[in-house]
């Protein structure tokens, strides 16, 4: 009996845990910078300081301030975000990449990042730096750095992907089918902290891919 040939490619990528509540974007940018340049001097607080507009000041001195611990971008049409700051050539498309394009990017040694939209059971109520912030849903960034398939015709249902999430790093990455990643990824382990709930957490009720980000080796500054 002929055995199935496993097609597998997992890049040697390490995701840094995000150092502040809203810093998934700087954790992804910093981690990708170190993947493409192991000698990179970028840190999450340096990326935040150099990316956020208007300037938040030195986020290495006061990373928990509202000006620093704020949602931001990987790259926008206005060239803002952590990929821009760290000089990672990048672009984005709306929605999730077709699986064959995802596999082709990884085969070329290129990381693919994704923006997810997380919907919660209740509106979260945070107090950050003395400011009350209500959050019904929020964006989150992750990276896919590998895949595995034993099928002759790869598709969303039979390709396993290696997802690196800066918020949840118990194993460094998690694996699932590309279909599950797009439709039922358990962002933040399926719960987020909520001091106002009876048990201190709130449930994630939905998670979808809204954007895909192409990356390639760093440009010289």
Protein backbone atom coordinates (compact mmCIF):
# COMPACT_ATOMS: atom_id res chain seq x y z
CA UNK A 1 0.00 0.00 0.00
CA UNK A 2 1.35 3.40 -0.95
CA UNK A 3 1.92 5.74 1.96
CA UNK A 4 0.76 9.31 1.97
CA UNK A 5 3.49 11.87 1.50
CA UNK A 6 3.42 14.50 4.19
CA UNK A 7 4.16 18.02 3.00
CA UNK A 8 5.41 20.04 5.93
CA UNK A 9 7.26 23.31 6.34
CA UNK A 10 7.68 24.96 9.73
CA UNK A 11 9.81 28.09 9.94
CA UNK A 12 12.15 28.62 12.89
CA UNK A 13 10.13 31.48 14.35
CA UNK A 14 9.74 32.54 17.97
CA UNK A 15 6.91 34.81 19.04
CA UNK A 16 7.59 37.10 21.98
CA UNK A 17 4.78 37.32 24.55
CA UNK A 18 3.16 40.73 24.38
CA UNK A 19 4.42 42.80 27.29
CA UNK A 20 1.32 44.97 27.69
CA UNK A 21 -2.40 44.34 27.27
CA UNK A 22 -2.68 46.05 23.87
CA UNK A 23 0.77 45.21 22.52
CA UNK A 24 0.01 42.29 20.21
CA UNK A 25 0.91 44.58 17.28
CA UNK A 26 4.34 45.46 18.67
CA UNK A 27 5.02 41.87 19.79
CA UNK A 28 4.33 40.68 16.23
CA UNK A 29 6.42 43.44 14.66
CA UNK A 30 9.33 42.91 17.03
CA UNK A 31 9.25 39.11 16.70
CA UNK A 32 9.15 39.28 12.90
CA UNK A 33 12.06 41.73 12.91
CA UNK A 34 14.13 39.27 14.95
CA UNK A 35 13.16 36.41 12.63
CA UNK A 36 14.46 38.25 9.58
CA UNK A 37 17.45 39.71 11.46
CA UNK A 38 18.58 37.76 14.55
CA UNK A 39 20.85 40.70 15.47
CA UNK A 40 17.94 43.15 15.53
CA UNK A 41 18.00 45.64 18.40
CA UNK A 42 14.27 46.28 18.34
CA UNK A 43 12.32 45.70 21.55
CA UNK A 44 8.59 45.99 22.04
CA UNK A 45 8.81 49.25 23.95
CA UNK A 46 11.15 50.76 21.35
CA UNK A 47 8.76 49.78 18.56
CA UNK A 48 5.83 51.28 20.46
CA UNK A 49 7.74 54.52 21.08
CA UNK A 50 8.65 54.86 17.41
CA UNK A 51 5.30 53.77 15.94
CA UNK A 52 2.46 55.42 17.83
CA UNK A 53 1.23 58.81 16.67
CA UNK A 54 1.15 61.35 18.18
CA UNK A 55 4.38 60.41 19.93
CA UNK A 56 3.70 58.73 23.27
CA UNK A 57 7.17 59.55 24.60
CA UNK A 58 9.49 56.84 25.86
CA UNK A 59 7.40 53.70 26.27
CA UNK A 60 10.37 51.90 27.80
CA UNK A 61 10.08 54.26 30.78
CA UNK A 62 6.29 54.14 31.12
CA UNK A 63 4.94 51.20 29.11
CA UNK A 64 1.68 50.98 31.06
CA UNK A 65 0.60 54.54 30.29
CA UNK A 66 -2.52 54.99 28.18
CA UNK A 67 -0.44 56.68 25.48
CA UNK A 68 1.83 53.62 25.18
CA UNK A 69 -0.44 50.67 25.99
CA UNK A 70 -2.75 51.34 23.07
CA UNK A 71 -3.91 49.38 20.03
CA UNK A 72 -2.00 50.18 16.84
CA UNK A 73 -1.19 48.60 13.49
CA UNK A 74 1.22 46.35 11.58
CA UNK A 75 0.94 48.42 8.40
CA UNK A 76 -1.73 50.73 6.98
CA UNK A 77 -2.30 52.49 3.68
CA UNK A 78 -0.77 55.54 5.40
CA UNK A 79 2.41 53.57 6.21
CA UNK A 80 1.88 53.38 9.93
CA UNK A 81 2.58 50.39 12.14
CA UNK A 82 5.21 48.10 13.60
CA UNK A 83 6.20 46.59 10.25
CA UNK A 84 6.87 50.10 8.93
CA UNK A 85 8.89 51.02 12.03
CA UNK A 86 11.04 47.88 11.83
CA UNK A 87 11.49 48.23 8.03
CA UNK A 88 9.84 44.92 7.20
CA UNK A 89 8.63 45.06 3.58
CA UNK A 90 4.96 44.22 3.88
CA UNK A 91 1.52 44.57 2.38
CA UNK A 92 -1.94 43.37 3.25
CA UNK A 93 -5.18 42.09 1.78
CA UNK A 94 -8.68 41.96 3.18
CA UNK A 95 -9.71 38.59 4.59
CA UNK A 96 -7.79 35.33 4.80
CA UNK A 97 -5.33 34.19 2.14
CA UNK A 98 -6.24 31.13 0.07
CA UNK A 99 -4.43 28.18 1.59
CA UNK A 100 -2.21 27.60 -1.46
CA UNK A 101 -0.95 31.20 -1.25
CA UNK A 102 -0.28 30.81 2.47
CA UNK A 103 1.75 27.65 1.82
CA UNK A 104 3.66 29.35 -1.01
CA UNK A 105 4.66 32.25 1.25
CA UNK A 106 5.93 29.90 3.94
CA UNK A 107 7.80 27.84 1.33
CA UNK A 108 9.62 31.06 0.40
CA UNK A 109 10.64 31.54 4.04
CA UNK A 110 8.20 34.38 4.62
CA UNK A 111 5.99 34.81 7.65
CA UNK A 112 2.30 35.63 7.22
CA UNK A 113 0.53 37.71 9.86
CA UNK A 114 -3.20 38.01 10.41
CA UNK A 115 -5.56 40.45 12.07
CA UNK A 116 -8.42 38.83 13.94
CA UNK A 117 -11.62 40.42 15.18
CA UNK A 118 -12.63 39.07 18.57
CA UNK A 119 -16.22 39.40 19.76
CA UNK A 120 -17.01 39.08 23.46
CA UNK A 121 -20.06 37.94 25.40
CA UNK A 122 -20.16 41.22 27.33
CA UNK A 123 -18.70 44.69 26.96
CA UNK A 124 -15.40 44.82 28.84
CA UNK A 125 -14.89 47.79 31.15
CA UNK A 126 -11.23 48.66 31.78
CA UNK A 127 -9.55 51.42 33.75
CA UNK A 128 -6.20 52.21 32.16
CA UNK A 129 -4.11 55.08 33.48
CA UNK A 130 -7.20 56.54 35.16
CA UNK A 131 -9.34 56.38 32.01
CA UNK A 132 -12.42 54.18 31.68
CA UNK A 133 -12.45 52.21 28.42
CA UNK A 134 -15.36 50.05 27.23
CA UNK A 135 -14.55 47.29 24.73
CA UNK A 136 -17.33 45.29 22.98
CA UNK A 137 -14.84 43.69 20.59
CA UNK A 138 -11.24 44.20 19.59
CA UNK A 139 -8.56 43.34 17.05
CA UNK A 140 -5.68 40.96 17.65
CA UNK A 141 -2.60 40.05 15.60
CA UNK A 142 -1.03 36.59 15.21
CA UNK A 143 1.46 34.92 12.86
CA UNK A 144 1.30 31.64 10.94
CA UNK A 145 4.81 30.27 10.48
CA UNK A 146 4.24 26.72 9.31
CA UNK A 147 1.89 24.16 7.82
CA UNK A 148 1.49 20.40 7.42
CA UNK A 149 -0.65 18.34 5.05
CA UNK A 150 -0.72 14.71 3.98
CA UNK A 151 -3.23 15.19 1.19
CA UNK A 152 -2.46 15.42 -2.52
CA UNK A 153 -4.87 18.35 -2.86
CA UNK A 154 -4.41 20.67 0.12
CA UNK A 155 -7.45 22.64 1.24
CA UNK A 156 -8.66 24.56 4.27
CA UNK A 157 -9.97 21.37 5.89
CA UNK A 158 -6.83 19.22 5.60
CA UNK A 159 -3.96 21.68 6.05
CA UNK A 160 -2.76 22.11 9.63
CA UNK A 161 -1.27 25.51 10.41
CA UNK A 162 1.15 26.60 13.15
CA UNK A 163 -0.28 29.69 14.82
CA UNK A 164 1.94 31.89 16.99
CA UNK A 165 -0.14 34.08 19.30
CA UNK A 166 1.65 36.71 21.44
CA UNK A 167 -1.10 36.54 24.07
CA UNK A 168 -1.12 32.77 24.63
CA UNK A 169 2.22 31.00 24.49
CA UNK A 170 1.97 27.94 26.69
CA UNK A 171 3.50 25.76 23.92
CA UNK A 172 4.95 28.54 21.77
CA UNK A 173 2.34 27.85 19.10
CA UNK A 174 -0.88 25.99 18.52
CA UNK A 175 -1.94 23.83 15.58
CA UNK A 176 -5.32 23.50 13.91
CA UNK A 177 -6.77 23.25 10.43
CA UNK A 178 -6.72 26.42 8.39
CA UNK A 179 -10.52 26.28 8.36
CA UNK A 180 -10.71 26.28 12.16
CA UNK A 181 -8.22 29.15 12.30
CA UNK A 182 -10.44 31.25 10.05
CA UNK A 183 -13.76 30.43 11.68
CA UNK A 184 -13.32 29.19 15.24
CA UNK A 185 -9.88 30.14 16.54
CA UNK A 186 -9.94 30.32 20.32
CA UNK A 187 -8.30 33.71 20.65
CA UNK A 188 -6.93 34.35 24.13
CA UNK A 189 -7.76 30.75 25.03
CA UNK A 190 -11.46 31.47 24.59
CA UNK A 191 -11.61 33.95 27.49
CA UNK A 192 -10.28 37.37 28.44
CA UNK A 193 -9.87 38.98 31.84
CA UNK A 194 -12.87 41.01 33.02
CA UNK A 195 -12.74 42.41 36.54
CA UNK A 196 -16.45 43.27 36.40
CA UNK A 197 -17.68 39.74 35.75
CA UNK A 198 -18.60 37.35 38.53
CA UNK A 199 -15.72 34.98 37.79
CA UNK A 200 -13.16 37.53 36.57
CA UNK A 201 -13.28 36.47 32.91
CA UNK A 202 -15.45 36.98 29.85
CA UNK A 203 -16.06 34.54 27.02
CA UNK A 204 -14.95 34.97 23.43
CA UNK A 205 -18.04 34.37 21.29
CA UNK A 206 -16.53 34.92 17.87
CA UNK A 207 -13.22 35.29 16.08
CA UNK A 208 -12.74 35.92 12.36
CA UNK A 209 -9.81 36.82 10.10
CA UNK A 210 -10.20 40.36 8.76
CA UNK A 211 -6.77 40.96 7.15
CA UNK A 212 -3.72 38.99 5.97
CA UNK A 213 -0.24 40.52 5.94
CA UNK A 214 2.63 39.52 3.65
CA UNK A 215 6.18 40.02 4.93
CA UNK A 216 9.68 39.59 3.51
CA UNK A 217 13.28 40.13 4.68
CA UNK A 218 14.19 43.50 6.15
CA UNK A 219 15.16 46.48 4.06
CA UNK A 220 18.33 48.32 4.95
CA UNK A 221 17.66 51.51 6.84
